[in-house]
Amino acid sequence: LVDQLRAVDNPVVITGDIHASGVGVVTADPDDPATPAVVPELVGTSISSTFPSGLVEVFESAAAAMPSVRYVDARRRGYVVCEVTADDLTADFRYMASTATAEAEVATGARWVIAAGDPEPRPA
């Protein structure tokens, strides 16, 4: 998979369905996450599904300790908006103030930028 991703100009993996937000990297050797970053990865959370509250702290601590993880948030619900230009990709992690009402306020809780040709995402 890593070789296939390297064959593409400026690849970015976008995924979700873990009920948490995240930013990370796919590394050169998946069995050794300390190897160099090859491809950035964005993980979108869900708006309505929640992460088990009793596991949030454990999950966030474990994820933050992984060398390939740059950002994680399992506490808030929302979505990711990506703006792509020739120079970079900007990912805004948007979070709902509440999921109990359709009129809930939405705010950007984190912003990450991936420069073209650079596999390392950076907080903005």
PDB file of N, CA and C in Angstrom:
ATOM      1  N   LEU A   1       0.822  -1.197   0.000  1.00  0.00           N
ATOM      2  CA  LEU A   1       0.000   0.000   0.000  1.00  0.00           C
ATOM      3  C   LEU A   1       0.866   1.261   0.000  1.00  0.00           C
ATOM      4  N   VAL A   2       1.908   1.279   0.798  1.00  0.00           N
ATOM      5  CA  VAL A   2       2.767   2.463   0.873  1.00  0.00           C
ATOM      6  C   VAL A   2       3.380   2.757  -0.487  1.00  0.00           C
ATOM      7  N   ASP A   3       3.843   1.739  -1.197  1.00  0.00           N
ATOM      8  CA  ASP A   3       4.408   1.947  -2.534  1.00  0.00           C
ATOM      9  C   ASP A   3       3.371   2.505  -3.488  1.00  0.00           C
ATOM     10  N   GLN A   4       2.139   2.051  -3.390  1.00  0.00           N
ATOM     11  CA  GLN A   4       1.072   2.575  -4.244  1.00  0.00           C
ATOM     12  C   GLN A   4       0.790   4.036  -3.927  1.00  0.00           C
ATOM     13  N   LEU A   5       0.788   4.398  -2.655  1.00  0.00           N
ATOM     14  CA  LEU A   5       0.561   5.781  -2.269  1.00  0.00           C
ATOM     15  C   LEU A   5       1.703   6.677  -2.728  1.00  0.00           C
ATOM     16  N   ARG A   6       2.916   6.179  -2.689  1.00  0.00           N
ATOM     17  CA  ARG A   6       4.078   6.962  -3.144  1.00  0.00           C
ATOM     18  C   ARG A   6       4.017   7.224  -4.650  1.00  0.00           C
ATOM     19  N   ALA A   7       3.320   6.375  -5.389  1.00  0.00           N
ATOM     20  CA  ALA A   7       3.232   6.523  -6.838  1.00  0.00           C
ATOM     21  C   ALA A   7       2.278   7.647  -7.248  1.00  0.00           C
ATOM     22  N   VAL A   8       1.547   8.205  -6.300  1.00  0.00           N
ATOM     23  CA  VAL A   8       0.579   9.271  -6.567  1.00  0.00           C
ATOM     24  C   VAL A   8       1.173  10.601  -6.111  1.00  0.00           C
ATOM     25  N   ASP A   9       0.976  11.652  -6.922  1.00  0.00           N
ATOM     26  CA  ASP A   9       1.428  12.987  -6.512  1.00  0.00           C
ATOM     27  C   ASP A   9       0.521  13.519  -5.410  1.00  0.00           C
ATOM     28  N   ASN A  10       1.094  13.924  -4.311  1.00  0.00           N
ATOM     29  CA  ASN A  10       0.392  14.575  -3.202  1.00  0.00           C
ATOM     30  C   ASN A  10      -0.805  13.796  -2.664  1.00  0.00           C
ATOM     31  N   PRO A  11      -0.648  12.526  -2.344  1.00  0.00           N
ATOM     32  CA  PRO A  11      -1.803  11.783  -1.812  1.00  0.00           C
ATOM     33  C   PRO A  11      -2.143  12.209  -0.393  1.00  0.00           C
ATOM     34  N   VAL A  12      -3.413  12.095  -0.052  1.00  0.00           N
ATOM     35  CA  VAL A  12      -3.902  12.314   1.299  1.00  0.00           C
ATOM     36  C   VAL A  12      -4.949  11.232   1.560  1.00  0.00           C
ATOM     37  N   VAL A  13      -4.833  10.543   2.675  1.00  0.00           N
ATOM     38  CA  VAL A  13      -5.829   9.544   3.064  1.00  0.00           C
ATOM     39  C   VAL A  13      -6.876  10.263   3.904  1.00  0.00           C
ATOM     40  N   ILE A  14      -8.148  10.095   3.520  1.00  0.00           N
ATOM     41  CA  ILE A  14      -9.252  10.673   4.283  1.00  0.00           C
ATOM     42  C   ILE A  14     -10.164   9.519   4.683  1.00  0.00           C
ATOM     43  N   THR A  15     -10.413   9.412   5.970  1.00  0.00           N
ATOM     44  CA  THR A  15     -11.183   8.273   6.477  1.00  0.00           C
ATOM     45  C   THR A  15     -12.038   8.712   7.658  1.00  0.00           C
ATOM     46  N   GLY A  16     -12.707   7.767   8.273  1.00  0.00           N
ATOM     47  CA  GLY A  16     -13.549   8.080   9.419  1.00  0.00           C
ATOM     48  C   GLY A  16     -14.110   6.825  10.030  1.00  0.00           C
ATOM     49  N   ASP A  17     -15.276   6.970  10.635  1.00  0.00           N
ATOM     50  CA  ASP A  17     -16.027   5.871  11.222  1.00  0.00           C
ATOM     51  C   ASP A  17     -15.380   5.275  12.472  1.00  0.00           C
ATOM     52  N   ILE A  18     -14.614   6.086  13.194  1.00  0.00           N
ATOM     53  CA  ILE A  18     -14.133   5.633  14.501  1.00  0.00           C
ATOM     54  C   ILE A  18     -14.710   6.509  15.612  1.00  0.00           C
ATOM     55  N   HIS A  19     -15.627   7.416  15.253  1.00  0.00           N
ATOM     56  CA  HIS A  19     -16.308   8.286  16.209  1.00  0.00           C
ATOM     57  C   HIS A  19     -15.341   9.203  16.949  1.00  0.00           C
ATOM     58  N   ALA A  20     -14.259   9.570  16.273  1.00  0.00           N
ATOM     59  CA  ALA A  20     -13.272  10.499  16.817  1.00  0.00           C
ATOM     60  C   ALA A  20     -12.632  11.230  15.637  1.00  0.00           C
ATOM     61  N   SER A  21     -12.091  12.421  15.899  1.00  0.00           N
ATOM     62  CA  SER A  21     -11.351  13.175  14.896  1.00  0.00           C
ATOM     63  C   SER A  21      -9.872  12.902  15.057  1.00  0.00           C
ATOM     64  N   GLY A  22      -9.141  12.985  13.956  1.00  0.00           N
ATOM     65  CA  GLY A  22      -7.714  12.788  14.082  1.00  0.00           C
ATOM     66  C   GLY A  22      -6.939  13.234  12.869  1.00  0.00           C
ATOM     67  N   VAL A  23      -5.665  13.452  13.099  1.00  0.00           N
ATOM     68  CA  VAL A  23      -4.699  13.743  12.045  1.00  0.00           C
ATOM     69  C   VAL A  23      -3.493  12.870  12.330  1.00  0.00           C
ATOM     70  N   GLY A  24      -3.010  12.224  11.302  1.00  0.00           N
ATOM     71  CA  GLY A  24      -1.844  11.375  11.473  1.00  0.00           C
ATOM     72  C   GLY A  24      -1.099  11.221  10.171  1.00  0.00           C
ATOM     73  N   VAL A  25      -0.184  10.283  10.155  1.00  0.00           N
ATOM     74  CA  VAL A  25       0.581   9.995   8.951  1.00  0.00           C
ATOM     75  C   VAL A  25       0.681   8.489   8.757  1.00  0.00           C
ATOM     76  N   VAL A  26       0.728   8.101   7.493  1.00  0.00           N
ATOM     77  CA  VAL A  26       1.071   6.728   7.139  1.00  0.00           C
ATOM     78  C   VAL A  26       2.585   6.733   7.024  1.00  0.00           C
ATOM     79  N   THR A  27       3.239   5.798   7.685  1.00  0.00           N
ATOM     80  CA  THR A  27       4.699   5.789   7.709  1.00  0.00           C
ATOM     81  C   THR A  27       5.288   4.847   6.657  1.00  0.00           C
ATOM     82  N   ALA A  28       6.561   4.990   6.412  1.00  0.00           N
ATOM     83  CA  ALA A  28       7.255   4.185   5.408  1.00  0.00           C
ATOM     84  C   ALA A  28       7.176   2.696   5.715  1.00  0.00           C
ATOM     85  N   ASP A  29       7.215   2.340   6.985  1.00  0.00           N
ATOM     86  CA  ASP A  29       7.117   0.941   7.399  1.00  0.00           C
ATOM     87  C   ASP A  29       5.969   0.829   8.396  1.00  0.00           C
ATOM     88  N   PRO A  30       4.822   0.293   7.963  1.00  0.00           N
ATOM     89  CA  PRO A  30       3.665   0.220   8.855  1.00  0.00           C
ATOM     90  C   PRO A  30       3.928  -0.559  10.146  1.00  0.00           C
ATOM     91  N   ASP A  31       4.910  -1.424  10.144  1.00  0.00           N
ATOM     92  CA  ASP A  31       5.246  -2.171  11.355  1.00  0.00           C
ATOM     93  C   ASP A  31       6.145  -1.387  12.296  1.00  0.00           C
ATOM     94  N   ASP A  32       6.640  -0.240  11.817  1.00  0.00           N
ATOM     95  CA  ASP A  32       7.509   0.605  12.638  1.00  0.00           C
ATOM     96  C   ASP A  32       7.050   2.054  12.484  1.00  0.00           C
ATOM     97  N   PRO A  33       6.104   2.510  13.314  1.00  0.00           N
ATOM     98  CA  PRO A  33       5.555   3.857  13.167  1.00  0.00           C
ATOM     99  C   PRO A  33       6.564   4.974  13.391  1.00  0.00           C
ATOM    100  N   ALA A  34       7.757   4.650  13.842  1.00  0.00           N
ATOM    101  CA  ALA A  34       8.786   5.674  14.027  1.00  0.00           C
ATOM    102  C   ALA A  34       9.490   6.013  12.709  1.00  0.00           C
ATOM    103  N   THR A  35       9.204   5.258  11.633  1.00  0.00           N
ATOM    104  CA  THR A  35       9.815   5.553  10.339  1.00  0.00           C
ATOM    105  C   THR A  35       9.201   6.822   9.760  1.00  0.00           C
ATOM    106  N   PRO A  36       9.843   7.410   8.755  1.00  0.00           N
ATOM    107  CA  PRO A  36       9.375   8.701   8.221  1.00  0.00           C
ATOM    108  C   PRO A  36       7.944   8.661   7.673  1.00  0.00           C
ATOM    109  N   ALA A  37       7.284   9.810   7.763  1.00  0.00           N
ATOM    110  CA  ALA A  37       5.948   9.974   7.203  1.00  0.00           C
ATOM    111  C   ALA A  37       6.008   9.895   5.684  1.00  0.00           C
ATOM    112  N   VAL A  38       5.025   9.220   5.088  1.00  0.00           N
ATOM    113  CA  VAL A  38       4.929   9.104   3.636  1.00  0.00           C
ATOM    114  C   VAL A  38       3.681   9.819   3.126  1.00  0.00           C
ATOM    115  N   VAL A  39       2.571   9.661   3.851  1.00  0.00           N
ATOM    116  CA  VAL A  39       1.287  10.217   3.429  1.00  0.00           C
ATOM    117  C   VAL A  39       0.537  10.741   4.656  1.00  0.00           C
ATOM    118  N   PRO A  40      -0.048  11.939   4.559  1.00  0.00           N
ATOM    119  CA  PRO A  40      -0.868  12.432   5.664  1.00  0.00           C
ATOM    120  C   PRO A  40      -2.236  11.736   5.673  1.00  0.00           C
ATOM    121  N   GLU A  41      -2.831  11.652   6.858  1.00  0.00           N
ATOM    122  CA  GLU A  41      -4.148  11.029   7.003  1.00  0.00           C
ATOM    123  C   GLU A  41      -5.050  11.914   7.854  1.00  0.00           C
ATOM    124  N   LEU A  42      -6.272  12.134   7.383  1.00  0.00           N
ATOM    125  CA  LEU A  42      -7.289  12.884   8.116  1.00  0.00           C
ATOM    126  C   LEU A  42      -8.405  11.929   8.507  1.00  0.00           C
ATOM    127  N   VAL A  43      -8.837  12.007   9.754  1.00  0.00           N
ATOM    128  CA  VAL A  43      -9.919  11.152  10.244  1.00  0.00           C
ATOM    129  C   VAL A  43     -11.062  12.059  10.690  1.00  0.00           C
ATOM    130  N   GLY A  44     -12.211  11.877  10.064  1.00  0.00           N
ATOM    131  CA  GLY A  44     -13.381  12.660  10.434  1.00  0.00           C
ATOM    132  C   GLY A  44     -14.232  11.940  11.457  1.00  0.00           C
ATOM    133  N   THR A  45     -14.767  12.689  12.399  1.00  0.00           N
ATOM    134  CA  THR A  45     -15.656  12.124  13.406  1.00  0.00           C
ATOM    135  C   THR A  45     -17.070  12.046  12.854  1.00  0.00           C
ATOM    136  N   SER A  46     -17.988  11.690  13.695  1.00  0.00           N
ATOM    137  CA  SER A  46     -19.394  11.626  13.312  1.00  0.00           C
ATOM    138  C   SER A  46     -20.155  12.750  14.001  1.00  0.00           C
ATOM    139  N   ILE A  47     -21.289  13.115  13.423  1.00  0.00           N
ATOM    140  CA  ILE A  47     -22.106  14.153  14.055  1.00  0.00           C
ATOM    141  C   ILE A  47     -22.998  13.553  15.130  1.00  0.00           C
ATOM    142  N   SER A  48     -23.611  12.421  14.836  1.00  0.00           N
ATOM    143  CA  SER A  48     -24.606  11.905  15.765  1.00  0.00           C
ATOM    144  C   SER A  48     -24.121  10.759  16.651  1.00  0.00           C
ATOM    145  N   SER A  49     -23.185   9.970  16.197  1.00  0.00           N
ATOM    146  CA  SER A  49     -22.698   8.852  17.013  1.00  0.00           C
ATOM    147  C   SER A  49     -21.670   9.350  18.010  1.00  0.00           C
ATOM    148  N   THR A  50     -21.692   8.803  19.190  1.00  0.00           N
ATOM    149  CA  THR A  50     -20.752   9.235  20.217  1.00  0.00           C
ATOM    150  C   THR A  50     -19.701   8.164  20.471  1.00  0.00           C
ATOM    151  N   PHE A  51     -18.600   8.614  21.002  1.00  0.00           N
ATOM    152  CA  PHE A  51     -17.549   7.706  21.440  1.00  0.00           C
ATOM    153  C   PHE A  51     -17.915   7.290  22.864  1.00  0.00           C
ATOM    154  N   PRO A  52     -17.738   6.042  23.251  1.00  0.00           N
ATOM    155  CA  PRO A  52     -18.090   5.627  24.617  1.00  0.00           C
ATOM    156  C   PRO A  52     -17.384   6.503  25.656  1.00  0.00           C
ATOM    157  N   SER A  53     -18.157   7.219  26.450  1.00  0.00           N
ATOM    158  CA  SER A  53     -17.585   8.207  27.375  1.00  0.00           C
ATOM    159  C   SER A  53     -16.570   7.608  28.339  1.00  0.00           C
ATOM    160  N   GLY A  54     -16.759   6.388  28.734  1.00  0.00           N
ATOM    161  CA  GLY A  54     -15.822   5.760  29.655  1.00  0.00           C
ATOM    162  C   GLY A  54     -14.482   5.426  29.035  1.00  0.00           C
ATOM    163  N   LEU A  55     -14.405   5.486  27.700  1.00  0.00           N
ATOM    164  CA  LEU A  55     -13.162   5.147  27.003  1.00  0.00           C
ATOM    165  C   LEU A  55     -12.449   6.354  26.399  1.00  0.00           C
ATOM    166  N   VAL A  56     -13.068   7.515  26.451  1.00  0.00           N
ATOM    167  CA  VAL A  56     -12.501   8.702  25.792  1.00  0.00           C
ATOM    168  C   VAL A  56     -11.086   8.997  26.281  1.00  0.00           C
ATOM    169  N   GLU A  57     -10.911   9.099  27.578  1.00  0.00           N
ATOM    170  CA  GLU A  57      -9.600   9.459  28.125  1.00  0.00           C
ATOM    171  C   GLU A  57      -8.537   8.417  27.780  1.00  0.00           C
ATOM    172  N   VAL A  58      -8.886   7.157  27.893  1.00  0.00           N
ATOM    173  CA  VAL A  58      -7.942   6.077  27.567  1.00  0.00           C
ATOM    174  C   VAL A  58      -7.585   6.123  26.083  1.00  0.00           C
ATOM    175  N   PHE A  59      -8.599   6.282  25.225  1.00  0.00           N
ATOM    176  CA  PHE A  59      -8.365   6.335  23.779  1.00  0.00           C
ATOM    177  C   PHE A  59      -7.469   7.513  23.405  1.00  0.00           C
ATOM    178  N   GLU A  60      -7.796   8.701  23.906  1.00  0.00           N
ATOM    179  CA  GLU A  60      -7.005   9.883  23.566  1.00  0.00           C
ATOM    180  C   GLU A  60      -5.568   9.761  24.069  1.00  0.00           C
ATOM    181  N   SER A  61      -5.373   9.228  25.250  1.00  0.00           N
ATOM    182  CA  SER A  61      -4.022   9.043  25.788  1.00  0.00           C
ATOM    183  C   SER A  61      -3.228   8.042  24.962  1.00  0.00           C
ATOM    184  N   ALA A  62      -3.858   6.924  24.619  1.00  0.00           N
ATOM    185  CA  ALA A  62      -3.178   5.904  23.815  1.00  0.00           C
ATOM    186  C   ALA A  62      -2.855   6.430  22.424  1.00  0.00           C
ATOM    187  N   ALA A  63      -3.794   7.135  21.806  1.00  0.00           N
ATOM    188  CA  ALA A  63      -3.556   7.674  20.462  1.00  0.00           C
ATOM    189  C   ALA A  63      -2.453   8.723  20.482  1.00  0.00           C
ATOM    190  N   ALA A  64      -2.463   9.598  21.482  1.00  0.00           N
ATOM    191  CA  ALA A  64      -1.442  10.652  21.570  1.00  0.00           C
ATOM    192  C   ALA A  64      -0.044  10.072  21.763  1.00  0.00           C
ATOM    193  N   ALA A  65       0.045   8.886  22.309  1.00  0.00           N
ATOM    194  CA  ALA A  65       1.349   8.243  22.528  1.00  0.00           C
ATOM    195  C   ALA A  65       1.887   7.560  21.269  1.00  0.00           C
ATOM    196  N   MET A  66       1.060   7.427  20.256  1.00  0.00           N
ATOM    197  CA  MET A  66       1.501   6.768  19.020  1.00  0.00           C
ATOM    198  C   MET A  66       2.302   7.752  18.167  1.00  0.00           C
ATOM    199  N   PRO A  67       3.483   7.368  17.675  1.00  0.00           N
ATOM    200  CA  PRO A  67       4.315   8.283  16.893  1.00  0.00           C
ATOM    201  C   PRO A  67       3.664   8.793  15.606  1.00  0.00           C
ATOM    202  N   SER A  68       2.714   8.077  15.054  1.00  0.00           N
ATOM    203  CA  SER A  68       2.109   8.486  13.784  1.00  0.00           C
ATOM    204  C   SER A  68       0.896   9.394  13.972  1.00  0.00           C
ATOM    205  N   VAL A  69       0.464   9.639  15.203  1.00  0.00           N
ATOM    206  CA  VAL A  69      -0.704  10.482  15.477  1.00  0.00           C
ATOM    207  C   VAL A  69      -0.254  11.900  15.797  1.00  0.00           C
ATOM    208  N   ARG A  70      -0.897  12.871  15.142  1.00  0.00           N
ATOM    209  CA  ARG A  70      -0.567  14.286  15.361  1.00  0.00           C
ATOM    210  C   ARG A  70      -1.654  15.009  16.157  1.00  0.00           C
ATOM    211  N   TYR A  71      -2.892  14.526  16.047  1.00  0.00           N
ATOM    212  CA  TYR A  71      -4.034  15.179  16.705  1.00  0.00           C
ATOM    213  C   TYR A  71      -5.128  14.144  16.898  1.00  0.00           C
ATOM    214  N   VAL A  72      -5.823  14.211  18.030  1.00  0.00           N
ATOM    215  CA  VAL A  72      -6.962  13.328  18.268  1.00  0.00           C
ATOM    216  C   VAL A  72      -7.964  14.044  19.166  1.00  0.00           C
ATOM    217  N   ASP A  73      -9.253  13.846  18.871  1.00  0.00           N
ATOM    218  CA  ASP A  73     -10.323  14.401  19.698  1.00  0.00           C
ATOM    219  C   ASP A  73     -11.509  13.438  19.631  1.00  0.00           C
ATOM    220  N   ALA A  74     -11.768  12.747  20.728  1.00  0.00           N
ATOM    221  CA  ALA A  74     -12.892  11.808  20.791  1.00  0.00           C
ATOM    222  C   ALA A  74     -14.046  12.384  21.613  1.00  0.00           C
ATOM    223  N   ARG A  75     -13.906  13.629  22.040  1.00  0.00           N
ATOM    224  CA  ARG A  75     -14.907  14.227  22.924  1.00  0.00           C
ATOM    225  C   ARG A  75     -16.006  14.974  22.172  1.00  0.00           C
ATOM    226  N   ARG A  76     -15.675  15.503  20.990  1.00  0.00           N
ATOM    227  CA  ARG A  76     -16.633  16.366  20.289  1.00  0.00           C
ATOM    228  C   ARG A  76     -17.153  15.704  19.020  1.00  0.00           C
ATOM    229  N   ARG A  77     -18.363  16.068  18.626  1.00  0.00           N
ATOM    230  CA  ARG A  77     -19.024  15.561  17.423  1.00  0.00           C
ATOM    231  C   ARG A  77     -18.942  16.611  16.338  1.00  0.00           C
ATOM    232  N   GLY A  78     -18.826  16.181  15.088  1.00  0.00           N
ATOM    233  CA  GLY A  78     -18.785  17.151  14.003  1.00  0.00           C
ATOM    234  C   GLY A  78     -18.391  16.543  12.686  1.00  0.00           C
ATOM    235  N   TYR A  79     -17.593  17.287  11.934  1.00  0.00           N
ATOM    236  CA  TYR A  79     -17.203  16.892  10.587  1.00  0.00           C
ATOM    237  C   TYR A  79     -15.942  17.662  10.190  1.00  0.00           C
ATOM    238  N   VAL A  80     -15.391  17.326   9.032  1.00  0.00           N
ATOM    239  CA  VAL A  80     -14.187  17.992   8.530  1.00  0.00           C
ATOM    240  C   VAL A  80     -14.510  18.639   7.185  1.00  0.00           C
ATOM    241  N   VAL A  81     -14.087  19.885   7.029  1.00  0.00           N
ATOM    242  CA  VAL A  81     -14.221  20.593   5.754  1.00  0.00           C
ATOM    243  C   VAL A  81     -12.813  20.781   5.201  1.00  0.00           C
ATOM    244  N   CYS A  82     -12.591  20.322   3.968  1.00  0.00           N
ATOM    245  CA  CYS A  82     -11.270  20.443   3.345  1.00  0.00           C
ATOM    246  C   CYS A  82     -11.320  21.430   2.188  1.00  0.00           C
ATOM    247  N   GLU A  83     -10.360  22.332   2.169  1.00  0.00           N
ATOM    248  CA  GLU A  83     -10.184  23.250   1.044  1.00  0.00           C
ATOM    249  C   GLU A  83      -8.871  22.865   0.378  1.00  0.00           C
ATOM    250  N   VAL A  84      -8.937  22.583  -0.916  1.00  0.00           N
ATOM    251  CA  VAL A  84      -7.761  22.129  -1.644  1.00  0.00           C
ATOM    252  C   VAL A  84      -7.386  23.163  -2.697  1.00  0.00           C
ATOM    253  N   THR A  85      -6.117  23.569  -2.678  1.00  0.00           N
ATOM    254  CA  THR A  85      -5.570  24.447  -3.713  1.00  0.00           C
ATOM    255  C   THR A  85      -4.352  23.753  -4.318  1.00  0.00           C
ATOM    256  N   ALA A  86      -3.728  24.376  -5.283  1.00  0.00           N
ATOM    257  CA  ALA A  86      -2.516  23.807  -5.885  1.00  0.00           C
ATOM    258  C   ALA A  86      -1.369  23.757  -4.878  1.00  0.00           C
ATOM    259  N   ASP A  87      -1.419  24.602  -3.855  1.00  0.00           N
ATOM    260  CA  ASP A  87      -0.328  24.693  -2.887  1.00  0.00           C
ATOM    261  C   ASP A  87      -0.520  23.861  -1.623  1.00  0.00           C
ATOM    262  N   ASP A  88      -1.787  23.678  -1.214  1.00  0.00           N
ATOM    263  CA  ASP A  88      -1.996  22.957   0.036  1.00  0.00           C
ATOM    264  C   ASP A  88      -3.441  22.486   0.197  1.00  0.00           C
ATOM    265  N   LEU A  89      -3.637  21.713   1.243  1.00  0.00           N
ATOM    266  CA  LEU A  89      -4.960  21.284   1.682  1.00  0.00           C
ATOM    267  C   LEU A  89      -5.124  21.795   3.106  1.00  0.00           C
ATOM    268  N   THR A  90      -6.228  22.496   3.361  1.00  0.00           N
ATOM    269  CA  THR A  90      -6.536  22.960   4.709  1.00  0.00           C
ATOM    270  C   THR A  90      -7.741  22.180   5.202  1.00  0.00           C
ATOM    271  N   ALA A  91      -7.607  21.558   6.359  1.00  0.00           N
ATOM    272  CA  ALA A  91      -8.684  20.774   6.957  1.00  0.00           C
ATOM    273  C   ALA A  91      -9.173  21.481   8.210  1.00  0.00           C
ATOM    274  N   ASP A  92     -10.434  21.890   8.195  1.00  0.00           N
ATOM    275  CA  ASP A  92     -11.066  22.499   9.363  1.00  0.00           C
ATOM    276  C   ASP A  92     -11.924  21.452  10.047  1.00  0.00           C
ATOM    277  N   PHE A  93     -11.592  21.148  11.286  1.00  0.00           N
ATOM    278  CA  PHE A  93     -12.378  20.216  12.079  1.00  0.00           C
ATOM    279  C   PHE A  93     -13.470  21.031  12.762  1.00  0.00           C
ATOM    280  N   ARG A  94     -14.697  20.838  12.293  1.00  0.00           N
ATOM    281  CA  ARG A  94     -15.850  21.604  12.765  1.00  0.00           C
ATOM    282  C   ARG A  94     -16.607  20.780  13.802  1.00  0.00           C
ATOM    283  N   TYR A  95     -16.929  21.415  14.934  1.00  0.00           N
ATOM    284  CA  TYR A  95     -17.576  20.704  16.022  1.00  0.00           C
ATOM    285  C   TYR A  95     -18.897  21.371  16.404  1.00  0.00           C
ATOM    286  N   MET A  96     -19.866  20.526  16.720  1.00  0.00           N
ATOM    287  CA  MET A  96     -21.195  20.971  17.120  1.00  0.00           C
ATOM    288  C   MET A  96     -21.186  21.295  18.621  1.00  0.00           C
ATOM    289  N   ALA A  97     -21.866  22.385  19.001  1.00  0.00           N
ATOM    290  CA  ALA A  97     -22.002  22.708  20.419  1.00  0.00           C
ATOM    291  C   ALA A  97     -22.877  21.665  21.110  1.00  0.00           C
ATOM    292  N   SER A  98     -23.818  21.087  20.354  1.00  0.00           N
ATOM    293  CA  SER A  98     -24.717  20.067  20.881  1.00  0.00           C
ATOM    294  C   SER A  98     -25.222  19.230  19.709  1.00  0.00           C
ATOM    295  N   THR A  99     -25.516  17.993  19.959  1.00  0.00           N
ATOM    296  CA  THR A  99     -26.126  17.170  18.920  1.00  0.00           C
ATOM    297  C   THR A  99     -27.616  16.965  19.203  1.00  0.00           C
ATOM    298  N   ALA A 100     -28.136  17.655  20.204  1.00  0.00           N
ATOM    299  CA  ALA A 100     -29.532  17.497  20.598  1.00  0.00           C
ATOM    300  C   ALA A 100     -30.487  18.329  19.749  1.00  0.00           C
ATOM    301  N   THR A 101     -29.956  19.331  19.034  1.00  0.00           N
ATOM    302  CA  THR A 101     -30.821  20.205  18.245  1.00  0.00           C
ATOM    303  C   THR A 101     -30.154  20.557  16.924  1.00  0.00           C
ATOM    304  N   ALA A 102     -30.954  20.705  15.887  1.00  0.00           N
ATOM    305  CA  ALA A 102     -30.430  21.051  14.560  1.00  0.00           C
ATOM    306  C   ALA A 102     -29.910  22.484  14.512  1.00  0.00           C
ATOM    307  N   GLU A 103     -30.300  23.308  15.458  1.00  0.00           N
ATOM    308  CA  GLU A 103     -29.883  24.717  15.476  1.00  0.00           C
ATOM    309  C   GLU A 103     -28.605  24.947  16.279  1.00  0.00           C
ATOM    310  N   ALA A 104     -27.935  23.902  16.681  1.00  0.00           N
ATOM    311  CA  ALA A 104     -26.732  24.038  17.507  1.00  0.00           C
ATOM    312  C   ALA A 104     -25.644  24.791  16.764  1.00  0.00           C
ATOM    313  N   GLU A 105     -24.894  25.566  17.506  1.00  0.00           N
ATOM    314  CA  GLU A 105     -23.778  26.328  16.950  1.00  0.00           C
ATOM    315  C   GLU A 105     -22.665  25.376  16.507  1.00  0.00           C
ATOM    316  N   VAL A 106     -21.990  25.762  15.421  1.00  0.00           N
ATOM    317  CA  VAL A 106     -20.867  24.993  14.894  1.00  0.00           C
ATOM    318  C   VAL A 106     -19.640  25.900  14.915  1.00  0.00           C
ATOM    319  N   ALA A 107     -18.503  25.369  15.353  1.00  0.00           N
ATOM    320  CA  ALA A 107     -17.268  26.156  15.400  1.00  0.00           C
ATOM    321  C   ALA A 107     -16.088  25.294  14.977  1.00  0.00           C
ATOM    322  N   THR A 108     -15.080  25.956  14.424  1.00  0.00           N
ATOM    323  CA  THR A 108     -13.854  25.253  14.069  1.00  0.00           C
ATOM    324  C   THR A 108     -13.041  25.029  15.334  1.00  0.00           C
ATOM    325  N   GLY A 109     -12.775  23.750  15.635  1.00  0.00           N
ATOM    326  CA  GLY A 109     -12.029  23.405  16.840  1.00  0.00           C
ATOM    327  C   GLY A 109     -10.557  23.165  16.583  1.00  0.00           C
ATOM    328  N   ALA A 110     -10.224  22.874  15.324  1.00  0.00           N
ATOM    329  CA  ALA A 110      -8.826  22.649  14.951  1.00  0.00           C
ATOM    330  C   ALA A 110      -8.685  22.874  13.455  1.00  0.00           C
ATOM    331  N   ARG A 111      -7.533  23.355  13.056  1.00  0.00           N
ATOM    332  CA  ARG A 111      -7.239  23.558  11.628  1.00  0.00           C
ATOM    333  C   ARG A 111      -5.845  23.002  11.363  1.00  0.00           C
ATOM    334  N   TRP A 112      -5.756  22.178  10.319  1.00  0.00           N
ATOM    335  CA  TRP A 112      -4.494  21.573   9.928  1.00  0.00           C
ATOM    336  C   TRP A 112      -4.240  21.856   8.454  1.00  0.00           C
ATOM    337  N   VAL A 113      -2.961  22.057   8.115  1.00  0.00           N
ATOM    338  CA  VAL A 113      -2.577  22.334   6.733  1.00  0.00           C
ATOM    339  C   VAL A 113      -1.579  21.284   6.266  1.00  0.00           C
ATOM    340  N   ILE A 114      -1.807  20.805   5.055  1.00  0.00           N
ATOM    341  CA  ILE A 114      -0.893  19.856   4.419  1.00  0.00           C
ATOM    342  C   ILE A 114      -0.378  20.529   3.157  1.00  0.00           C
ATOM    343  N   ALA A 115       0.891  20.892   3.138  1.00  0.00           N
ATOM    344  CA  ALA A 115       1.487  21.541   1.974  1.00  0.00           C
ATOM    345  C   ALA A 115       1.707  20.505   0.877  1.00  0.00           C
ATOM    346  N   ALA A 116       1.518  20.918  -0.365  1.00  0.00           N
ATOM    347  CA  ALA A 116       1.717  20.023  -1.498  1.00  0.00           C
ATOM    348  C   ALA A 116       3.133  19.452  -1.448  1.00  0.00           C
ATOM    349  N   GLY A 117       3.219  18.137  -1.563  1.00  0.00           N
ATOM    350  CA  GLY A 117       4.512  17.466  -1.571  1.00  0.00           C
ATOM    351  C   GLY A 117       5.100  17.189  -0.212  1.00  0.00           C
ATOM    352  N   ASP A 118       4.431  17.618   0.860  1.00  0.00           N
ATOM    353  CA  ASP A 118       4.925  17.407   2.218  1.00  0.00           C
ATOM    354  C   ASP A 118       3.994  16.430   2.939  1.00  0.00           C
ATOM    355  N   PRO A 119       4.468  15.280   3.344  1.00  0.00           N
ATOM    356  CA  PRO A 119       3.587  14.314   4.005  1.00  0.00           C
ATOM    357  C   PRO A 119       3.276  14.642   5.459  1.00  0.00           C
ATOM    358  N   GLU A 120       3.887  15.695   5.983  1.00  0.00           N
ATOM    359  CA  GLU A 120       3.714  16.022   7.409  1.00  0.00           C
ATOM    360  C   GLU A 120       2.675  17.131   7.593  1.00  0.00           C
ATOM    361  N   PRO A 121       1.501  16.814   8.167  1.00  0.00           N
ATOM    362  CA  PRO A 121       0.497  17.855   8.435  1.00  0.00           C
ATOM    363  C   PRO A 121       0.984  18.807   9.529  1.00  0.00           C
ATOM    364  N   ARG A 122       0.551  20.051   9.435  1.00  0.00           N
ATOM    365  CA  ARG A 122       0.952  21.071  10.424  1.00  0.00           C
ATOM    366  C   ARG A 122      -0.279  21.767  10.965  1.00  0.00           C
ATOM    367  N   PRO A 123      -0.326  22.013  12.281  1.00  0.00           N
ATOM    368  CA  PRO A 123      -1.453  22.796  12.821  1.00  0.00           C
ATOM    369  C   PRO A 123      -1.370  24.235  12.311  1.00  0.00           C
ATOM    370  N   ALA A 124      -2.528  24.815  12.049  1.00  0.00           N
ATOM    371  CA  ALA A 124      -2.555  26.194  11.539  1.00  0.00           C
ATOM    372  C   ALA A 124      -3.043  27.142  12.615  1.00  0.00           C
TER     373      ALA A 124
END
